[in-house]
Amino acid sequence: MIRSEILQEKDKTQARLSEECTSIHDYFVQSHIAAEKAAKTYGFTLNYAEVPTLSRYRAGNSGERTASIS
């Protein structure tokens, strides 16, 4: 298995957040903050894909199939 300083940091962060966070939302927010900090520390940037929003699906404005939510 490949082990690097960044992967070790990721593993430590995941373990810490699993213990500290009280909800999936809290985990998501805290992991995003940790990822931004790691990117700055190690000198890389994070690029996120654009994902269509649920409101665009509901409105049918995206030209794609609309999603039905029950």
PDB file of N, CA and C in Angstrom:
ATOM      1  N   MET A   1       0.840  -1.171   0.000  1.00  0.00           N
ATOM      2  CA  MET A   1       0.000   0.000   0.000  1.00  0.00           C
ATOM      3  C   MET A   1       0.893   1.245   0.000  1.00  0.00           C
ATOM      4  N   ILE A   2       0.510   2.206  -0.787  1.00  0.00           N
ATOM      5  CA  ILE A   2       1.268   3.455  -0.864  1.00  0.00           C
ATOM      6  C   ILE A   2       0.929   4.312   0.355  1.00  0.00           C
ATOM      7  N   ARG A   3       1.961   4.778   1.050  1.00  0.00           N
ATOM      8  CA  ARG A   3       1.786   5.649   2.203  1.00  0.00           C
ATOM      9  C   ARG A   3       2.552   6.933   1.942  1.00  0.00           C
ATOM     10  N   SER A   4       1.892   8.023   2.043  1.00  0.00           N
ATOM     11  CA  SER A   4       2.551   9.308   1.890  1.00  0.00           C
ATOM     12  C   SER A   4       2.112  10.205   3.044  1.00  0.00           C
ATOM     13  N   GLU A   5       2.780  11.315   3.174  1.00  0.00           N
ATOM     14  CA  GLU A   5       2.446  12.255   4.240  1.00  0.00           C
ATOM     15  C   GLU A   5       1.012  12.755   4.099  1.00  0.00           C
ATOM     16  N   ILE A   6       0.598  13.009   2.867  1.00  0.00           N
ATOM     17  CA  ILE A   6      -0.767  13.500   2.636  1.00  0.00           C
ATOM     18  C   ILE A   6      -1.793  12.426   2.988  1.00  0.00           C
ATOM     19  N   LEU A   7      -1.547  11.166   2.593  1.00  0.00           N
ATOM     20  CA  LEU A   7      -2.490  10.098   2.916  1.00  0.00           C
ATOM     21  C   LEU A   7      -2.555   9.844   4.420  1.00  0.00           C
ATOM     22  N   GLN A   8      -1.430   9.949   5.093  1.00  0.00           N
ATOM     23  CA  GLN A   8      -1.429   9.788   6.548  1.00  0.00           C
ATOM     24  C   GLN A   8      -2.236  10.905   7.208  1.00  0.00           C
ATOM     25  N   GLU A   9      -2.101  12.121   6.701  1.00  0.00           N
ATOM     26  CA  GLU A   9      -2.871  13.261   7.219  1.00  0.00           C
ATOM     27  C   GLU A   9      -4.358  13.036   6.985  1.00  0.00           C
ATOM     28  N   LYS A  10      -4.716  12.535   5.819  1.00  0.00           N
ATOM     29  CA  LYS A  10      -6.117  12.240   5.497  1.00  0.00           C
ATOM     30  C   LYS A  10      -6.685  11.217   6.476  1.00  0.00           C
ATOM     31  N   ASP A  11      -5.946  10.146   6.719  1.00  0.00           N
ATOM     32  CA  ASP A  11      -6.401   9.103   7.638  1.00  0.00           C
ATOM     33  C   ASP A  11      -6.591   9.640   9.057  1.00  0.00           C
ATOM     34  N   LYS A  12      -5.637  10.455   9.535  1.00  0.00           N
ATOM     35  CA  LYS A  12      -5.751  11.048  10.867  1.00  0.00           C
ATOM     36  C   LYS A  12      -6.971  11.967  10.951  1.00  0.00           C
ATOM     37  N   THR A  13      -7.170  12.749   9.901  1.00  0.00           N
ATOM     38  CA  THR A  13      -8.297  13.679   9.880  1.00  0.00           C
ATOM     39  C   THR A  13      -9.622  12.923   9.872  1.00  0.00           C
ATOM     40  N   GLN A  14      -9.731  11.881   9.066  1.00  0.00           N
ATOM     41  CA  GLN A  14     -10.970  11.099   9.028  1.00  0.00           C
ATOM     42  C   GLN A  14     -11.272  10.473  10.382  1.00  0.00           C
ATOM     43  N   ALA A  15     -10.268   9.931  11.026  1.00  0.00           N
ATOM     44  CA  ALA A  15     -10.471   9.321  12.342  1.00  0.00           C
ATOM     45  C   ALA A  15     -10.909  10.371  13.361  1.00  0.00           C
ATOM     46  N   ARG A  16     -10.253  11.534  13.335  1.00  0.00           N
ATOM     47  CA  ARG A  16     -10.593  12.606  14.278  1.00  0.00           C
ATOM     48  C   ARG A  16     -12.013  13.096  14.051  1.00  0.00           C
ATOM     49  N   LEU A  17     -12.380  13.317  12.783  1.00  0.00           N
ATOM     50  CA  LEU A  17     -13.720  13.816  12.485  1.00  0.00           C
ATOM     51  C   LEU A  17     -14.795  12.789  12.824  1.00  0.00           C
ATOM     52  N   SER A  18     -14.499  11.512  12.625  1.00  0.00           N
ATOM     53  CA  SER A  18     -15.459  10.465  12.974  1.00  0.00           C
ATOM     54  C   SER A  18     -15.788  10.486  14.456  1.00  0.00           C
ATOM     55  N   GLU A  19     -14.814  10.802  15.279  1.00  0.00           N
ATOM     56  CA  GLU A  19     -15.036  10.869  16.723  1.00  0.00           C
ATOM     57  C   GLU A  19     -15.689  12.178  17.156  1.00  0.00           C
ATOM     58  N   GLU A  20     -15.317  13.281  16.503  1.00  0.00           N
ATOM     59  CA  GLU A  20     -15.756  14.602  16.957  1.00  0.00           C
ATOM     60  C   GLU A  20     -17.108  15.038  16.411  1.00  0.00           C
ATOM     61  N   CYS A  21     -17.422  14.678  15.197  1.00  0.00           N
ATOM     62  CA  CYS A  21     -18.616  15.220  14.543  1.00  0.00           C
ATOM     63  C   CYS A  21     -19.883  14.527  15.033  1.00  0.00           C
ATOM     64  N   THR A  22     -20.930  15.331  15.166  1.00  0.00           N
ATOM     65  CA  THR A  22     -22.198  14.825  15.691  1.00  0.00           C
ATOM     66  C   THR A  22     -23.230  14.566  14.608  1.00  0.00           C
ATOM     67  N   SER A  23     -22.946  14.969  13.364  1.00  0.00           N
ATOM     68  CA  SER A  23     -23.885  14.737  12.263  1.00  0.00           C
ATOM     69  C   SER A  23     -23.105  14.642  10.960  1.00  0.00           C
ATOM     70  N   ILE A  24     -23.747  14.133   9.934  1.00  0.00           N
ATOM     71  CA  ILE A  24     -23.095  14.032   8.623  1.00  0.00           C
ATOM     72  C   ILE A  24     -22.833  15.431   8.072  1.00  0.00           C
ATOM     73  N   HIS A  25     -23.712  16.367   8.370  1.00  0.00           N
ATOM     74  CA  HIS A  25     -23.503  17.743   7.914  1.00  0.00           C
ATOM     75  C   HIS A  25     -22.260  18.338   8.572  1.00  0.00           C
ATOM     76  N   ASP A  26     -22.126  18.130   9.866  1.00  0.00           N
ATOM     77  CA  ASP A  26     -20.949  18.610  10.595  1.00  0.00           C
ATOM     78  C   ASP A  26     -19.682  17.972  10.019  1.00  0.00           C
ATOM     79  N   TYR A  27     -19.732  16.666   9.755  1.00  0.00           N
ATOM     80  CA  TYR A  27     -18.581  15.961   9.178  1.00  0.00           C
ATOM     81  C   TYR A  27     -18.231  16.561   7.821  1.00  0.00           C
ATOM     82  N   PHE A  28     -19.238  16.817   6.993  1.00  0.00           N
ATOM     83  CA  PHE A  28     -19.013  17.396   5.666  1.00  0.00           C
ATOM     84  C   PHE A  28     -18.340  18.759   5.770  1.00  0.00           C
ATOM     85  N   VAL A  29     -18.865  19.621   6.622  1.00  0.00           N
ATOM     86  CA  VAL A  29     -18.312  20.972   6.774  1.00  0.00           C
ATOM     87  C   VAL A  29     -16.881  20.911   7.292  1.00  0.00           C
ATOM     88  N   GLN A  30     -16.655  20.124   8.338  1.00  0.00           N
ATOM     89  CA  GLN A  30     -15.323  20.040   8.931  1.00  0.00           C
ATOM     90  C   GLN A  30     -14.313  19.387   7.981  1.00  0.00           C
ATOM     91  N   SER A  31     -14.752  18.404   7.199  1.00  0.00           N
ATOM     92  CA  SER A  31     -13.828  17.767   6.256  1.00  0.00           C
ATOM     93  C   SER A  31     -13.462  18.728   5.126  1.00  0.00           C
ATOM     94  N   HIS A  32     -14.405  19.570   4.720  1.00  0.00           N
ATOM     95  CA  HIS A  32     -14.110  20.569   3.692  1.00  0.00           C
ATOM     96  C   HIS A  32     -13.080  21.568   4.208  1.00  0.00           C
ATOM     97  N   ILE A  33     -13.243  22.010   5.442  1.00  0.00           N
ATOM     98  CA  ILE A  33     -12.281  22.933   6.048  1.00  0.00           C
ATOM     99  C   ILE A  33     -10.905  22.275   6.134  1.00  0.00           C
ATOM    100  N   ALA A  34     -10.870  21.013   6.563  1.00  0.00           N
ATOM    101  CA  ALA A  34      -9.594  20.294   6.674  1.00  0.00           C
ATOM    102  C   ALA A  34      -8.945  20.108   5.300  1.00  0.00           C
ATOM    103  N   ALA A  35      -9.749  19.838   4.276  1.00  0.00           N
ATOM    104  CA  ALA A  35      -9.210  19.660   2.928  1.00  0.00           C
ATOM    105  C   ALA A  35      -8.603  20.961   2.410  1.00  0.00           C
ATOM    106  N   GLU A  36      -9.271  22.074   2.651  1.00  0.00           N
ATOM    107  CA  GLU A  36      -8.743  23.374   2.234  1.00  0.00           C
ATOM    108  C   GLU A  36      -7.426  23.677   2.949  1.00  0.00           C
ATOM    109  N   LYS A  37      -7.366  23.371   4.245  1.00  0.00           N
ATOM    110  CA  LYS A  37      -6.154  23.602   5.013  1.00  0.00           C
ATOM    111  C   LYS A  37      -5.006  22.729   4.487  1.00  0.00           C
ATOM    112  N   ALA A  38      -5.294  21.457   4.216  1.00  0.00           N
ATOM    113  CA  ALA A  38      -4.268  20.544   3.697  1.00  0.00           C
ATOM    114  C   ALA A  38      -3.784  21.007   2.326  1.00  0.00           C
ATOM    115  N   ALA A  39      -4.698  21.451   1.487  1.00  0.00           N
ATOM    116  CA  ALA A  39      -4.313  21.930   0.161  1.00  0.00           C
ATOM    117  C   ALA A  39      -3.358  23.114   0.284  1.00  0.00           C
ATOM    118  N   LYS A  40      -3.679  24.013   1.180  1.00  0.00           N
ATOM    119  CA  LYS A  40      -2.810  25.184   1.381  1.00  0.00           C
ATOM    120  C   LYS A  40      -1.447  24.760   1.937  1.00  0.00           C
ATOM    121  N   THR A  41      -1.458  23.841   2.912  1.00  0.00           N
ATOM    122  CA  THR A  41      -0.219  23.366   3.534  1.00  0.00           C
ATOM    123  C   THR A  41       0.693  22.676   2.528  1.00  0.00           C
ATOM    124  N   TYR A  42       0.113  21.833   1.673  1.00  0.00           N
ATOM    125  CA  TYR A  42       0.913  21.037   0.743  1.00  0.00           C
ATOM    126  C   TYR A  42       1.035  21.669  -0.647  1.00  0.00           C
ATOM    127  N   GLY A  43       0.439  22.847  -0.828  1.00  0.00           N
ATOM    128  CA  GLY A  43       0.632  23.602  -2.063  1.00  0.00           C
ATOM    129  C   GLY A  43      -0.115  23.112  -3.281  1.00  0.00           C
ATOM    130  N   PHE A  44      -1.350  22.637  -3.098  1.00  0.00           N
ATOM    131  CA  PHE A  44      -2.152  22.279  -4.257  1.00  0.00           C
ATOM    132  C   PHE A  44      -3.528  22.910  -4.130  1.00  0.00           C
ATOM    133  N   THR A  45      -4.269  22.907  -5.211  1.00  0.00           N
ATOM    134  CA  THR A  45      -5.608  23.488  -5.196  1.00  0.00           C
ATOM    135  C   THR A  45      -6.637  22.383  -5.361  1.00  0.00           C
ATOM    136  N   LEU A  46      -7.807  22.628  -4.824  1.00  0.00           N
ATOM    137  CA  LEU A  46      -8.917  21.698  -4.958  1.00  0.00           C
ATOM    138  C   LEU A  46      -9.853  22.227  -6.031  1.00  0.00           C
ATOM    139  N   ASN A  47     -10.233  21.369  -6.943  1.00  0.00           N
ATOM    140  CA  ASN A  47     -11.179  21.739  -7.987  1.00  0.00           C
ATOM    141  C   ASN A  47     -12.387  20.820  -7.873  1.00  0.00           C
ATOM    142  N   TYR A  48     -13.556  21.412  -7.745  1.00  0.00           N
ATOM    143  CA  TYR A  48     -14.779  20.649  -7.584  1.00  0.00           C
ATOM    144  C   TYR A  48     -15.577  20.673  -8.880  1.00  0.00           C
ATOM    145  N   ALA A  49     -16.199  19.569  -9.194  1.00  0.00           N
ATOM    146  CA  ALA A  49     -17.041  19.480 -10.385  1.00  0.00           C
ATOM    147  C   ALA A  49     -18.322  20.275 -10.158  1.00  0.00           C
ATOM    148  N   GLU A  50     -18.857  20.809 -11.236  1.00  0.00           N
ATOM    149  CA  GLU A  50     -20.143  21.479 -11.137  1.00  0.00           C
ATOM    150  C   GLU A  50     -21.223  20.415 -11.191  1.00  0.00           C
ATOM    151  N   VAL A  51     -22.109  20.468 -10.225  1.00  0.00           N
ATOM    152  CA  VAL A  51     -23.204  19.513 -10.156  1.00  0.00           C
ATOM    153  C   VAL A  51     -24.495  20.297 -10.275  1.00  0.00           C
ATOM    154  N   PRO A  52     -25.389  19.850 -11.143  1.00  0.00           N
ATOM    155  CA  PRO A  52     -26.654  20.577 -11.283  1.00  0.00           C
ATOM    156  C   PRO A  52     -27.390  20.598  -9.945  1.00  0.00           C
ATOM    157  N   THR A  53     -28.026  21.700  -9.664  1.00  0.00           N
ATOM    158  CA  THR A  53     -28.753  21.815  -8.403  1.00  0.00           C
ATOM    159  C   THR A  53     -30.116  21.161  -8.523  1.00  0.00           C
ATOM    160  N   LEU A  54     -30.658  20.788  -7.403  1.00  0.00           N
ATOM    161  CA  LEU A  54     -31.958  20.142  -7.363  1.00  0.00           C
ATOM    162  C   LEU A  54     -33.031  21.066  -7.928  1.00  0.00           C
ATOM    163  N   SER A  55     -32.925  22.365  -7.675  1.00  0.00           N
ATOM    164  CA  SER A  55     -33.944  23.295  -8.167  1.00  0.00           C
ATOM    165  C   SER A  55     -33.978  23.321  -9.691  1.00  0.00           C
ATOM    166  N   ARG A  56     -32.810  23.160 -10.336  1.00  0.00           N
ATOM    167  CA  ARG A  56     -32.796  23.110 -11.798  1.00  0.00           C
ATOM    168  C   ARG A  56     -33.507  21.862 -12.292  1.00  0.00           C
ATOM    169  N   TYR A  57     -33.339  20.749 -11.578  1.00  0.00           N
ATOM    170  CA  TYR A  57     -34.030  19.528 -11.966  1.00  0.00           C
ATOM    171  C   TYR A  57     -35.531  19.679 -11.791  1.00  0.00           C
ATOM    172  N   ARG A  58     -35.931  20.282 -10.700  1.00  0.00           N
ATOM    173  CA  ARG A  58     -37.369  20.465 -10.445  1.00  0.00           C
ATOM    174  C   ARG A  58     -37.988  21.373 -11.498  1.00  0.00           C
ATOM    175  N   ALA A  59     -37.278  22.427 -11.875  1.00  0.00           N
ATOM    176  CA  ALA A  59     -37.808  23.379 -12.844  1.00  0.00           C
ATOM    177  C   ALA A  59     -37.744  22.837 -14.261  1.00  0.00           C
ATOM    178  N   GLY A  60     -36.896  21.849 -14.495  1.00  0.00           N
ATOM    179  CA  GLY A  60     -36.764  21.298 -15.836  1.00  0.00           C
ATOM    180  C   GLY A  60     -36.015  22.224 -16.770  1.00  0.00           C
ATOM    181  N   ASN A  61     -35.246  23.171 -16.233  1.00  0.00           N
ATOM    182  CA  ASN A  61     -34.543  24.145 -17.044  1.00  0.00           C
ATOM    183  C   ASN A  61     -33.204  23.660 -17.564  1.00  0.00           C
ATOM    184  N   SER A  62     -32.762  22.497 -17.145  1.00  0.00           N
ATOM    185  CA  SER A  62     -31.419  22.062 -17.499  1.00  0.00           C
ATOM    186  C   SER A  62     -31.367  21.343 -18.838  1.00  0.00           C
ATOM    187  N   GLY A  63     -32.525  21.041 -19.404  1.00  0.00           N
ATOM    188  CA  GLY A  63     -32.538  20.290 -20.659  1.00  0.00           C
ATOM    189  C   GLY A  63     -32.317  18.807 -20.440  1.00  0.00           C
ATOM    190  N   GLU A  64     -32.211  18.406 -19.188  1.00  0.00           N
ATOM    191  CA  GLU A  64     -32.028  17.009 -18.846  1.00  0.00           C
ATOM    192  C   GLU A  64     -33.320  16.473 -18.271  1.00  0.00           C
ATOM    193  N   ARG A  65     -33.332  15.171 -18.050  1.00  0.00           N
ATOM    194  CA  ARG A  65     -34.509  14.574 -17.438  1.00  0.00           C
ATOM    195  C   ARG A  65     -34.731  15.186 -16.071  1.00  0.00           C
ATOM    196  N   THR A  66     -35.978  15.359 -15.707  1.00  0.00           N
ATOM    197  CA  THR A  66     -36.272  15.881 -14.381  1.00  0.00           C
ATOM    198  C   THR A  66     -36.329  14.736 -13.395  1.00  0.00           C
ATOM    199  N   ALA A  67     -35.938  15.006 -12.192  1.00  0.00           N
ATOM    200  CA  ALA A  67     -35.951  14.002 -11.140  1.00  0.00           C
ATOM    201  C   ALA A  67     -37.249  14.110 -10.367  1.00  0.00           C
ATOM    202  N   SER A  68     -37.827  12.995 -10.024  1.00  0.00           N
ATOM    203  CA  SER A  68     -39.006  13.046  -9.173  1.00  0.00           C
ATOM    204  C   SER A  68     -38.600  12.674  -7.765  1.00  0.00           C
ATOM    205  N   ILE A  69     -39.100  13.440  -6.830  1.00  0.00           N
ATOM    206  CA  ILE A  69     -38.766  13.220  -5.430  1.00  0.00           C
ATOM    207  C   ILE A  69     -40.059  12.915  -4.692  1.00  0.00           C
ATOM    208  N   SER A  70     -40.089  11.801  -4.002  1.00  0.00           N
ATOM    209  CA  SER A  70     -41.309  11.435  -3.254  1.00  0.00           C
ATOM    210  C   SER A  70     -41.118  11.692  -1.804  1.00  0.00           C
TER     211      SER A  70
END
